[in-house]
Amino acid sequence: MEYNLINNKDLNIFIQKYKLIHNHENGNKKKDVEKWALVRLLANIIKCPIINYPFEIVHHDKSDFEIRFNGYSIGIEFTEASTEQYKRALSILKKRHPQGILEPTLNNKNNSKKNDEIIKSLDSSQKRLIGLPSCGIQPEIDWAKCIHETIINKTEKFKNYNLFTYNWLLIYSNVPVVPIDIRIGMEQLFTLLKRNKVEFDVLFIIWNLNLIKIKDYNYDISDIII
């Protein structure tokens, strides 16, 4: 995939082409979700002074995208906070229980289940919740741990990436959690991040209908306008 964008009209055409591609609930593949996330990032950061028209978007492997402009380049690595097990469970849920609920415990990197085990867990959870209840700020802590683990996992692989003028990490926070206070969630995330060196220049998180930008242990939250 390679796109040359000359002006806002070109960008809007690119956005319109991919904005309705959504997540794995609709059977979309990873490359489709990558584009879905990329257009949301571009729509919200195009006014950023480090990106100017004309620019070129190139699809890579490591990182997933490269933006080229004025002799500079930005590598954008995309990842999802949910596990492969969670995505399989989500697909199974939509077929067996279209209006059902998905237990957060299925988003577990350390306890991979086979499909028959997932089906058994899903069937049981439609009758009663089988996970532990969340109290106080535990949902914010759980969210922060999941995002932190996602960031560290990509940071450990950073040495294998092609390096660009700027290197960004874009995370789709599609994890099954109850509603959280994002301010508390970010406080918890920063506490965890300060224990590690993060190689990426900027982190972006797509959370609900918001884009969170993290740089130098500061963050901004903006509505995704698309």
Protein backbone atom coordinates (compact mmCIF):
# COMPACT_ATOMS: atom_id res chain seq x y z
CA MET A 1 0.00 0.00 0.00
CA GLU A 2 1.32 3.40 -0.98
CA TYR A 3 -0.55 6.69 -1.03
CA ASN A 4 0.56 10.17 -2.02
CA LEU A 5 -1.48 12.87 -0.30
CA ILE A 6 -1.20 16.37 -1.69
CA ASN A 7 -3.88 18.21 0.26
CA ASN A 8 -6.88 17.88 2.58
CA LYS A 9 -9.02 16.55 -0.24
CA ASP A 10 -6.65 13.61 -0.76
CA LEU A 11 -6.58 12.95 2.98
CA ASN A 12 -10.38 13.01 3.21
CA ILE A 13 -10.63 10.49 0.34
CA PHE A 14 -8.18 8.23 2.17
CA ILE A 15 -10.10 8.59 5.44
CA GLN A 16 -13.49 7.92 3.84
CA LYS A 17 -12.13 4.75 2.25
CA TYR A 18 -11.10 3.16 5.52
CA LYS A 19 -13.03 4.87 8.32
CA LEU A 20 -15.87 2.33 8.41
CA ILE A 21 -13.61 -0.70 8.60
CA HIS A 22 -13.86 -1.64 12.23
CA ASN A 23 -12.57 -4.30 14.53
CA HIS A 24 -12.53 -8.09 14.58
CA GLU A 25 -16.20 -8.31 15.55
CA ASN A 26 -17.00 -7.86 11.86
CA GLY A 27 -14.46 -10.41 10.66
CA ASN A 28 -11.87 -7.88 9.55
CA LYS A 29 -8.25 -8.89 9.33
CA LYS A 30 -5.36 -7.20 11.15
CA LYS A 31 -4.34 -5.19 8.09
CA ASP A 32 -7.87 -3.78 7.87
CA VAL A 33 -7.88 -2.79 11.53
CA GLU A 34 -4.45 -1.17 11.03
CA LYS A 35 -5.91 1.13 8.37
CA TRP A 36 -8.98 1.82 10.51
CA ALA A 37 -6.67 2.99 13.31
CA LEU A 38 -4.33 4.89 11.02
CA VAL A 39 -7.06 7.11 9.55
CA ARG A 40 -8.20 8.02 13.06
CA LEU A 41 -4.68 9.02 13.96
CA LEU A 42 -4.16 11.02 10.76
CA ALA A 43 -7.50 12.81 11.06
CA ASN A 44 -6.52 14.09 14.49
CA ILE A 45 -2.84 14.93 14.08
CA ILE A 46 -2.73 16.41 10.58
CA LYS A 47 -2.56 19.88 12.11
CA CYS A 48 0.57 18.82 13.99
CA PRO A 49 3.41 21.02 12.73
CA ILE A 50 5.77 18.11 12.07
CA ILE A 51 3.59 16.76 9.26
CA ASN A 52 3.05 18.87 6.18
CA TYR A 53 1.63 18.31 2.73
CA PRO A 54 2.56 16.69 0.50
CA PHE A 55 3.27 13.43 2.32
CA GLU A 56 3.42 9.78 1.39
CA ILE A 57 2.06 6.79 3.32
CA VAL A 58 3.84 3.48 2.79
CA HIS A 59 2.87 0.15 4.33
CA HIS A 60 5.75 -1.80 5.86
CA ASP A 61 6.24 -4.71 8.20
CA LYS A 62 8.47 -3.12 10.87
CA SER A 63 7.06 -0.54 11.49
CA ASP A 64 3.60 -1.04 9.99
CA PHE A 65 3.45 2.37 8.30
CA GLU A 66 5.88 5.04 7.22
CA ILE A 67 4.94 8.66 6.57
CA ARG A 68 7.44 10.51 4.38
CA PHE A 69 7.51 14.28 4.05
CA ASN A 70 10.08 17.03 3.47
CA GLY A 71 12.98 14.61 3.79
CA TYR A 72 11.73 13.28 7.13
CA SER A 73 10.02 10.02 8.01
CA ILE A 74 7.74 8.78 10.77
CA GLY A 75 7.51 5.08 11.49
CA ILE A 76 4.15 4.07 13.00
CA GLU A 77 3.93 0.68 14.65
CA PHE A 78 0.35 -0.47 15.30
CA THR A 79 -0.75 -2.95 17.91
CA GLU A 80 -3.87 -4.01 19.77
CA ALA A 81 -4.20 -4.33 23.53
CA SER A 82 -6.43 -7.38 23.26
CA THR A 83 -5.04 -10.90 22.95
CA GLU A 84 -5.53 -13.36 20.10
CA GLN A 85 -7.59 -15.45 22.51
CA TYR A 86 -9.91 -12.50 23.14
CA LYS A 87 -10.39 -11.98 19.39
CA ARG A 88 -11.25 -15.65 18.92
CA ALA A 89 -13.65 -15.47 21.84
CA LEU A 90 -15.27 -12.35 20.38
CA SER A 91 -15.81 -14.07 17.04
CA ILE A 92 -17.32 -17.13 18.73
CA LEU A 93 -19.53 -14.96 20.96
CA LYS A 94 -21.06 -13.13 17.98
CA LYS A 95 -22.08 -16.46 16.46
CA ARG A 96 -23.35 -18.20 19.60
CA HIS A 97 -24.64 -15.27 21.66
CA PRO A 98 -25.06 -12.17 19.43
CA GLN A 99 -26.28 -10.08 22.36
CA GLY A 100 -24.06 -11.75 24.92
CA ILE A 101 -21.30 -10.48 27.18
CA LEU A 102 -17.60 -11.28 27.08
CA GLU A 103 -15.74 -11.99 30.31
CA PRO A 104 -12.63 -9.82 30.80
CA THR A 105 -10.82 -12.95 32.04
CA LEU A 106 -10.67 -14.16 28.43
CA ASN A 107 -8.21 -11.36 27.62
CA ASN A 108 -5.40 -13.27 29.31
CA LYS A 109 -1.97 -13.61 27.71
CA ASN A 110 -0.86 -16.23 30.22
CA ASN A 111 -3.79 -18.64 29.99
CA SER A 112 -4.50 -19.58 26.40
CA LYS A 113 -7.66 -21.62 25.91
CA LYS A 114 -8.67 -23.88 23.06
CA ASN A 115 -11.89 -23.06 21.22
CA ASP A 116 -13.94 -25.71 23.04
CA GLU A 117 -12.78 -24.24 26.37
CA ILE A 118 -13.71 -20.75 25.19
CA ILE A 119 -17.17 -21.97 24.15
CA LYS A 120 -17.70 -23.55 27.57
CA SER A 121 -16.61 -20.35 29.31
CA LEU A 122 -18.82 -18.18 27.09
CA ASP A 123 -21.88 -20.37 27.61
CA SER A 124 -21.39 -20.29 31.38
CA SER A 125 -20.86 -16.54 31.55
CA GLN A 126 -24.17 -15.82 29.81
CA LYS A 127 -25.90 -17.31 32.84
CA ARG A 128 -23.70 -15.77 35.51
CA LEU A 129 -20.48 -13.77 35.72
CA ILE A 130 -17.57 -16.08 36.40
CA GLY A 131 -14.83 -13.48 36.94
CA LEU A 132 -13.95 -11.62 40.09
CA PRO A 133 -15.83 -8.36 40.78
CA SER A 134 -13.99 -5.07 40.23
CA CYS A 135 -13.93 -2.62 43.13
CA GLY A 136 -12.49 0.86 43.69
CA ILE A 137 -9.88 1.77 41.09
CA GLN A 138 -9.19 -1.85 40.16
CA PRO A 139 -10.62 -1.37 36.62
CA GLU A 140 -8.20 1.54 36.06
CA ILE A 141 -5.31 -0.55 37.41
CA ASP A 142 -6.22 -3.48 35.16
CA TRP A 143 -6.46 -1.19 32.11
CA ALA A 144 -3.09 0.42 32.88
CA LYS A 145 -1.42 -2.96 33.33
CA CYS A 146 -2.78 -4.17 30.00
CA ILE A 147 -1.64 -1.04 28.13
CA HIS A 148 1.75 -1.10 29.90
CA GLU A 149 2.28 -4.75 28.96
CA THR A 150 1.42 -3.91 25.36
CA ILE A 151 3.93 -1.03 25.29
CA ILE A 152 6.73 -3.07 26.88
CA ASN A 153 6.13 -5.96 24.50
CA LYS A 154 6.61 -3.64 21.52
CA THR A 155 9.55 -1.85 23.17
CA GLU A 156 11.39 -5.17 23.55
CA LYS A 157 11.00 -5.73 19.80
CA PHE A 158 12.03 -2.17 18.93
CA LYS A 159 15.62 -3.12 18.06
CA ASN A 160 14.27 -5.24 15.20
CA TYR A 161 12.37 -2.36 13.61
CA ASN A 162 13.48 -0.08 10.83
CA LEU A 163 14.30 3.23 12.50
CA PHE A 164 12.95 6.50 11.15
CA THR A 165 13.35 10.17 11.99
CA TYR A 166 10.50 9.72 14.47
CA ASN A 167 9.13 6.44 15.78
CA TRP A 168 5.55 6.26 17.04
CA LEU A 169 3.50 3.50 18.64
CA LEU A 170 -0.25 3.44 17.99
CA ILE A 171 -2.30 1.24 20.35
CA TYR A 172 -5.92 0.26 19.87
CA SER A 173 -7.29 -0.16 23.39
CA ASN A 174 -9.90 -2.78 22.56
CA VAL A 175 -9.79 -4.59 25.88
CA PRO A 176 -12.90 -5.72 27.76
CA VAL A 177 -13.10 -3.48 30.81
CA VAL A 178 -15.87 -1.77 32.70
CA PRO A 179 -16.07 2.05 32.30
CA ILE A 180 -13.01 3.72 33.79
CA ASP A 181 -11.89 7.17 34.89
CA ILE A 182 -9.20 7.72 32.27
CA ARG A 183 -7.39 10.26 34.45
CA ILE A 184 -6.85 7.62 37.12
CA GLY A 185 -5.99 5.09 34.43
CA MET A 186 -3.28 7.39 33.05
CA GLU A 187 -1.85 7.99 36.54
CA GLN A 188 -1.56 4.25 37.00
CA LEU A 189 -0.03 3.84 33.53
CA PHE A 190 2.63 6.51 34.16
CA THR A 191 3.57 4.84 37.45
CA LEU A 192 4.26 1.64 35.52
CA LEU A 193 6.00 3.31 32.57
CA LYS A 194 8.55 5.06 34.80
CA ARG A 195 9.97 1.64 35.64
CA ASN A 196 10.97 1.01 32.02
CA LYS A 197 12.69 2.74 29.13
CA VAL A 198 10.26 3.36 26.28
CA GLU A 199 12.02 3.65 22.93
CA PHE A 200 9.16 5.22 20.98
CA ASP A 201 9.14 9.01 20.63
CA VAL A 202 5.37 9.31 20.97
CA LEU A 203 2.65 6.89 22.10
CA PHE A 204 -0.94 7.13 20.86
CA ILE A 205 -3.86 5.21 22.33
CA ILE A 206 -7.26 4.90 20.68
CA TRP A 207 -9.58 4.62 23.67
CA ASN A 208 -13.33 4.64 23.07
CA LEU A 209 -13.96 7.76 20.95
CA ASN A 210 -10.77 9.47 22.07
CA LEU A 211 -7.15 9.68 21.01
CA ILE A 212 -4.63 9.86 23.84
CA LYS A 213 -1.20 11.27 22.98
CA ILE A 214 1.68 10.50 25.37
CA LYS A 215 5.04 12.25 25.15
CA ASP A 216 7.63 12.80 27.88
CA TYR A 217 5.22 11.58 30.59
CA ASN A 218 2.59 14.12 29.63
CA TYR A 219 -0.64 13.29 27.90
CA ASP A 220 -3.41 14.98 25.95
CA ILE A 221 -6.83 13.54 25.23
CA SER A 222 -8.80 14.66 22.20
CA ASP A 223 -12.05 13.56 20.63
CA ILE A 224 -11.59 11.53 17.49
CA ILE A 225 -12.99 13.68 14.72
CA ILE A 226 -13.55 11.75 11.54
